């Protein structure tokens, strides 16, 4: 089986090539993610999920963004649509582009392209990626994000705090 190729970025957010996911992780290369903040139809809650313990980064922690690494030849928006469908089983939701935030905590160096979607339909977890999940009111998510001891993944925490500063 051929290993997945991911897009390699530079520190300014431009695509510079591709490599395997393993090589990107081993060398701490700049890369990108497409991430979706899935909000309830009324916008008052966000879907949060606990990552599988065997994930290659931040296994077992909670996240409020559905997303993943941008594949070679894929745009961040295409990645976000793909990941929302794969991880949460959400297909056909309209994505609104939000902002890009940089997370640099070597060996992780990533441009996180964020999007938002509203959804009241069913959620179907990808069992290899997600252990559990539920809707969390925005006020509770903000409290969780502001608590450094909460089990939110570091890049997800940085992203949602940036979201709260901009939009809520």
C-alpha atoms as a PDB file:
ATOM      1  CA  UNK A   1       0.000   0.000   0.000  1.00  0.00           C
ATOM      2  CA  UNK A   2       1.358   3.387  -1.024  1.00  0.00           C
ATOM      3  CA  UNK A   3       1.754   5.932   1.776  1.00  0.00           C
ATOM      4  CA  UNK A   4      -0.376   9.076   1.648  1.00  0.00           C
ATOM      5  CA  UNK A   5       1.301  12.221   0.333  1.00  0.00           C
ATOM      6  CA  UNK A   6       0.667  15.510   2.106  1.00  0.00           C
ATOM      7  CA  UNK A   7       1.293  19.062   0.934  1.00  0.00           C
ATOM      8  CA  UNK A   8       4.389  20.774   2.312  1.00  0.00           C
ATOM      9  CA  UNK A   9       4.139  24.517   2.946  1.00  0.00           C
ATOM     10  CA  UNK A  10       6.671  27.210   3.777  1.00  0.00           C
ATOM     11  CA  UNK A  11       6.511  29.435   6.854  1.00  0.00           C
ATOM     12  CA  UNK A  12       4.509  32.030   4.880  1.00  0.00           C
ATOM     13  CA  UNK A  13       1.705  29.618   3.936  1.00  0.00           C
ATOM     14  CA  UNK A  14       2.641  28.792   0.342  1.00  0.00           C
ATOM     15  CA  UNK A  15       2.747  25.226  -0.989  1.00  0.00           C
ATOM     16  CA  UNK A  16       6.321  24.172  -1.770  1.00  0.00           C
ATOM     17  CA  UNK A  17       5.940  20.465  -2.554  1.00  0.00           C
ATOM     18  CA  UNK A  18       4.798  17.199  -1.063  1.00  0.00           C
ATOM     19  CA  UNK A  19       6.098  14.322   1.001  1.00  0.00           C
ATOM     20  CA  UNK A  20       4.773  11.437   3.019  1.00  0.00           C
ATOM     21  CA  UNK A  21       2.941  12.139   6.259  1.00  0.00           C
ATOM     22  CA  UNK A  22       5.619  10.177   8.140  1.00  0.00           C
ATOM     23  CA  UNK A  23       8.412  12.292   6.636  1.00  0.00           C
ATOM     24  CA  UNK A  24       6.535  15.515   7.376  1.00  0.00           C
ATOM     25  CA  UNK A  25       6.118  14.474  11.028  1.00  0.00           C
ATOM     26  CA  UNK A  26       9.690  13.168  11.392  1.00  0.00           C
ATOM     27  CA  UNK A  27      11.281  16.340  10.018  1.00  0.00           C
ATOM     28  CA  UNK A  28       8.797  18.796  11.548  1.00  0.00           C
ATOM     29  CA  UNK A  29       7.960  20.295   8.159  1.00  0.00           C
ATOM     30  CA  UNK A  30       5.492  23.113   7.662  1.00  0.00           C
ATOM     31  CA  UNK A  31       2.129  21.790   6.500  1.00  0.00           C
ATOM     32  CA  UNK A  32      -1.525  22.841   6.564  1.00  0.00           C
ATOM     33  CA  UNK A  33      -4.868  21.650   7.802  1.00  0.00           C
ATOM     34  CA  UNK A  34      -8.428  22.257   6.722  1.00  0.00           C
ATOM     35  CA  UNK A  35     -10.576  22.535   9.862  1.00  0.00           C
ATOM     36  CA  UNK A  36     -14.309  22.973  10.389  1.00  0.00           C
ATOM     37  CA  UNK A  37     -16.035  24.366  13.450  1.00  0.00           C
ATOM     38  CA  UNK A  38     -19.354  22.505  13.331  1.00  0.00           C
ATOM     39  CA  UNK A  39     -22.061  24.593  14.972  1.00  0.00           C
ATOM     40  CA  UNK A  40     -25.654  23.647  15.628  1.00  0.00           C
ATOM     41  CA  UNK A  41     -28.262  25.128  13.320  1.00  0.00           C
ATOM     42  CA  UNK A  42     -29.057  27.855  15.854  1.00  0.00           C
ATOM     43  CA  UNK A  43     -25.329  28.543  16.295  1.00  0.00           C
ATOM     44  CA  UNK A  44     -25.469  28.142  20.074  1.00  0.00           C
ATOM     45  CA  UNK A  45     -23.453  24.904  20.351  1.00  0.00           C
ATOM     46  CA  UNK A  46     -20.334  23.387  18.820  1.00  0.00           C
ATOM     47  CA  UNK A  47     -19.699  19.704  18.224  1.00  0.00           C
ATOM     48  CA  UNK A  48     -16.682  18.514  20.238  1.00  0.00           C
ATOM     49  CA  UNK A  49     -15.069  15.111  19.950  1.00  0.00           C
ATOM     50  CA  UNK A  50     -12.388  13.028  21.644  1.00  0.00           C
ATOM     51  CA  UNK A  51      -9.642  11.815  19.355  1.00  0.00           C
ATOM     52  CA  UNK A  52      -8.684   8.173  19.207  1.00  0.00           C
ATOM     53  CA  UNK A  53      -5.808   7.412  21.598  1.00  0.00           C
ATOM     54  CA  UNK A  54      -3.684   6.058  18.733  1.00  0.00           C
ATOM     55  CA  UNK A  55      -3.759   9.275  16.647  1.00  0.00           C
ATOM     56  CA  UNK A  56      -0.266  10.362  15.622  1.00  0.00           C
ATOM     57  CA  UNK A  57      -0.719  13.789  17.242  1.00  0.00           C
ATOM     58  CA  UNK A  58      -2.626  14.630  20.447  1.00  0.00           C
ATOM     59  CA  UNK A  59      -4.209  11.187  20.760  1.00  0.00           C
ATOM     60  CA  UNK A  60      -6.986  10.886  23.350  1.00  0.00           C
ATOM     61  CA  UNK A  61      -7.536  14.635  23.692  1.00  0.00           C
ATOM     62  CA  UNK A  62     -10.650  16.613  22.766  1.00  0.00           C
ATOM     63  CA  UNK A  63     -11.080  18.895  19.762  1.00  0.00           C
ATOM     64  CA  UNK A  64     -13.754  21.310  18.575  1.00  0.00           C
ATOM     65  CA  UNK A  65     -12.500  21.307  14.965  1.00  0.00           C
ATOM     66  CA  UNK A  66     -13.142  18.475  12.499  1.00  0.00           C
ATOM     67  CA  UNK A  67     -10.197  18.423  10.156  1.00  0.00           C
ATOM     68  CA  UNK A  68      -6.893  17.067   9.053  1.00  0.00           C
ATOM     69  CA  UNK A  69      -3.742  17.537   7.059  1.00  0.00           C
ATOM     70  CA  UNK A  70      -4.061  18.919   3.524  1.00  0.00           C
ATOM     71  CA  UNK A  71      -3.152  16.200   1.017  1.00  0.00           C
ATOM     72  CA  UNK A  72      -0.838  16.787  -1.927  1.00  0.00           C
ATOM     73  CA  UNK A  73      -2.816  18.506  -4.705  1.00  0.00           C
ATOM     74  CA  UNK A  74      -5.705  19.386  -2.383  1.00  0.00           C
ATOM     75  CA  UNK A  75      -6.829  22.852  -1.314  1.00  0.00           C
ATOM     76  CA  UNK A  76      -7.547  23.582   2.355  1.00  0.00           C
ATOM     77  CA  UNK A  77     -11.265  23.933   1.514  1.00  0.00           C
ATOM     78  CA  UNK A  78     -11.306  20.544  -0.222  1.00  0.00           C
ATOM     79  CA  UNK A  79      -9.551  19.083   2.795  1.00  0.00           C
ATOM     80  CA  UNK A  80     -12.106  20.612   5.165  1.00  0.00           C
ATOM     81  CA  UNK A  81     -15.056  19.177   3.170  1.00  0.00           C
ATOM     82  CA  UNK A  82     -13.366  15.760   3.005  1.00  0.00           C
ATOM     83  CA  UNK A  83     -12.481  15.657   6.694  1.00  0.00           C
ATOM     84  CA  UNK A  84     -15.929  16.799   7.851  1.00  0.00           C
ATOM     85  CA  UNK A  85     -17.420  13.902   5.909  1.00  0.00           C
ATOM     86  CA  UNK A  86     -14.834  11.352   7.012  1.00  0.00           C
ATOM     87  CA  UNK A  87     -14.644  12.247  10.702  1.00  0.00           C
ATOM     88  CA  UNK A  88     -18.237  13.219  11.508  1.00  0.00           C
ATOM     89  CA  UNK A  89     -20.236  11.842   8.585  1.00  0.00           C
ATOM     90  CA  UNK A  90     -21.465  15.334   7.676  1.00  0.00           C
ATOM     91  CA  UNK A  91     -22.006  15.721   3.932  1.00  0.00           C
ATOM     92  CA  UNK A  92     -23.481  18.676   2.071  1.00  0.00           C
ATOM     93  CA  UNK A  93     -23.066  21.321   4.760  1.00  0.00           C
ATOM     94  CA  UNK A  94     -22.037  24.716   3.385  1.00  0.00           C
ATOM     95  CA  UNK A  95     -18.617  25.851   4.595  1.00  0.00           C
ATOM     96  CA  UNK A  96     -17.877  29.490   5.376  1.00  0.00           C
ATOM     97  CA  UNK A  97     -14.172  30.424   5.333  1.00  0.00           C
ATOM     98  CA  UNK A  98     -13.062  32.044   8.595  1.00  0.00           C
ATOM     99  CA  UNK A  99      -9.348  32.730   9.079  1.00  0.00           C
ATOM    100  CA  UNK A 100      -5.958  31.066   9.077  1.00  0.00           C
ATOM    101  CA  UNK A 101      -3.983  30.705  12.258  1.00  0.00           C
ATOM    102  CA  UNK A 102      -0.439  29.481  12.566  1.00  0.00           C
ATOM    103  CA  UNK A 103       0.462  26.903  15.182  1.00  0.00           C
ATOM    104  CA  UNK A 104       4.174  26.567  15.739  1.00  0.00           C
ATOM    105  CA  UNK A 105       5.195  24.309  18.580  1.00  0.00           C
ATOM    106  CA  UNK A 106       8.137  22.333  17.145  1.00  0.00           C
ATOM    107  CA  UNK A 107       8.088  19.781  15.802  1.00  0.00           C
ATOM    108  CA  UNK A 108       4.555  20.893  14.775  1.00  0.00           C
ATOM    109  CA  UNK A 109       4.508  23.768  12.295  1.00  0.00           C
ATOM    110  CA  UNK A 110       1.119  24.226  10.712  1.00  0.00           C
ATOM    111  CA  UNK A 111      -1.091  26.712   8.894  1.00  0.00           C
ATOM    112  CA  UNK A 112      -4.640  25.977  10.058  1.00  0.00           C
ATOM    113  CA  UNK A 113      -7.223  27.091   7.487  1.00  0.00           C
ATOM    114  CA  UNK A 114     -10.506  27.345   9.371  1.00  0.00           C
ATOM    115  CA  UNK A 115     -14.091  27.099   8.197  1.00  0.00           C
ATOM    116  CA  UNK A 116     -17.496  27.010   9.845  1.00  0.00           C
ATOM    117  CA  UNK A 117     -20.615  24.988   9.087  1.00  0.00           C
ATOM    118  CA  UNK A 118     -24.064  24.773  10.679  1.00  0.00           C
ATOM    119  CA  UNK A 119     -25.685  21.365  11.029  1.00  0.00           C
ATOM    120  CA  UNK A 120     -28.635  19.773  12.782  1.00  0.00           C
ATOM    121  CA  UNK A 121     -28.436  16.416  11.048  1.00  0.00           C
ATOM    122  CA  UNK A 122     -26.974  13.144  12.213  1.00  0.00           C
ATOM    123  CA  UNK A 123     -23.353  12.698  13.259  1.00  0.00           C
ATOM    124  CA  UNK A 124     -21.491   9.475  12.433  1.00  0.00           C
ATOM    125  CA  UNK A 125     -18.014   9.161  13.921  1.00  0.00           C
ATOM    126  CA  UNK A 126     -15.160   7.587  12.029  1.00  0.00           C
ATOM    127  CA  UNK A 127     -14.197   4.935  14.604  1.00  0.00           C
ATOM    128  CA  UNK A 128     -10.485   5.000  13.717  1.00  0.00           C
ATOM    129  CA  UNK A 129     -10.357   8.743  14.435  1.00  0.00           C
ATOM    130  CA  UNK A 130     -13.014   9.566  17.046  1.00  0.00           C
ATOM    131  CA  UNK A 131     -13.923   7.818  20.286  1.00  0.00           C
ATOM    132  CA  UNK A 132     -16.867   9.974  21.377  1.00  0.00           C
ATOM    133  CA  UNK A 133     -18.462  13.375  20.895  1.00  0.00           C
ATOM    134  CA  UNK A 134     -21.326  15.684  21.823  1.00  0.00           C
ATOM    135  CA  UNK A 135     -22.740  19.181  21.374  1.00  0.00           C
ATOM    136  CA  UNK A 136     -21.308  21.757  23.785  1.00  0.00           C
ATOM    137  CA  UNK A 137     -22.832  25.218  24.371  1.00  0.00           C
ATOM    138  CA  UNK A 138     -20.581  28.095  23.274  1.00  0.00           C
ATOM    139  CA  UNK A 139     -20.241  29.471  26.821  1.00  0.00           C
ATOM    140  CA  UNK A 140     -19.031  26.069  28.051  1.00  0.00           C
ATOM    141  CA  UNK A 141     -16.611  25.768  25.136  1.00  0.00           C
ATOM    142  CA  UNK A 142     -15.168  29.196  25.901  1.00  0.00           C
ATOM    143  CA  UNK A 143     -14.665  28.252  29.571  1.00  0.00           C
ATOM    144  CA  UNK A 144     -13.033  24.988  28.489  1.00  0.00           C
ATOM    145  CA  UNK A 145     -10.752  26.773  26.013  1.00  0.00           C
ATOM    146  CA  UNK A 146      -9.680  29.343  28.604  1.00  0.00           C
ATOM    147  CA  UNK A 147      -8.813  26.610  31.119  1.00  0.00           C
ATOM    148  CA  UNK A 148      -5.243  25.506  30.371  1.00  0.00           C
ATOM    149  CA  UNK A 149      -5.892  22.277  32.304  1.00  0.00           C
ATOM    150  CA  UNK A 150      -8.789  21.197  30.062  1.00  0.00           C
ATOM    151  CA  UNK A 151      -8.161  18.310  27.643  1.00  0.00           C
ATOM    152  CA  UNK A 152      -8.456  20.392  24.441  1.00  0.00           C
ATOM    153  CA  UNK A 153      -5.696  19.807  21.908  1.00  0.00           C
ATOM    154  CA  UNK A 154      -3.226  22.728  21.881  1.00  0.00           C
ATOM    155  CA  UNK A 155      -3.731  23.810  18.261  1.00  0.00           C
ATOM    156  CA  UNK A 156      -7.503  23.449  18.603  1.00  0.00           C
ATOM    157  CA  UNK A 157      -7.418  25.578  21.756  1.00  0.00           C
ATOM    158  CA  UNK A 158      -5.406  28.270  19.939  1.00  0.00           C
ATOM    159  CA  UNK A 159      -7.874  28.202  17.042  1.00  0.00           C
ATOM    160  CA  UNK A 160     -11.037  28.430  19.117  1.00  0.00           C
ATOM    161  CA  UNK A 161      -9.608  31.222  21.270  1.00  0.00           C
ATOM    162  CA  UNK A 162      -8.835  33.114  18.051  1.00  0.00           C
ATOM    163  CA  UNK A 163     -12.411  32.423  16.901  1.00  0.00           C
ATOM    164  CA  UNK A 164     -13.865  33.771  20.157  1.00  0.00           C
ATOM    165  CA  UNK A 165     -11.724  36.929  19.876  1.00  0.00           C
ATOM    166  CA  UNK A 166     -12.972  37.538  16.329  1.00  0.00           C
ATOM    167  CA  UNK A 167     -16.594  36.460  16.342  1.00  0.00           C
ATOM    168  CA  UNK A 168     -18.118  35.996  19.771  1.00  0.00           C
END
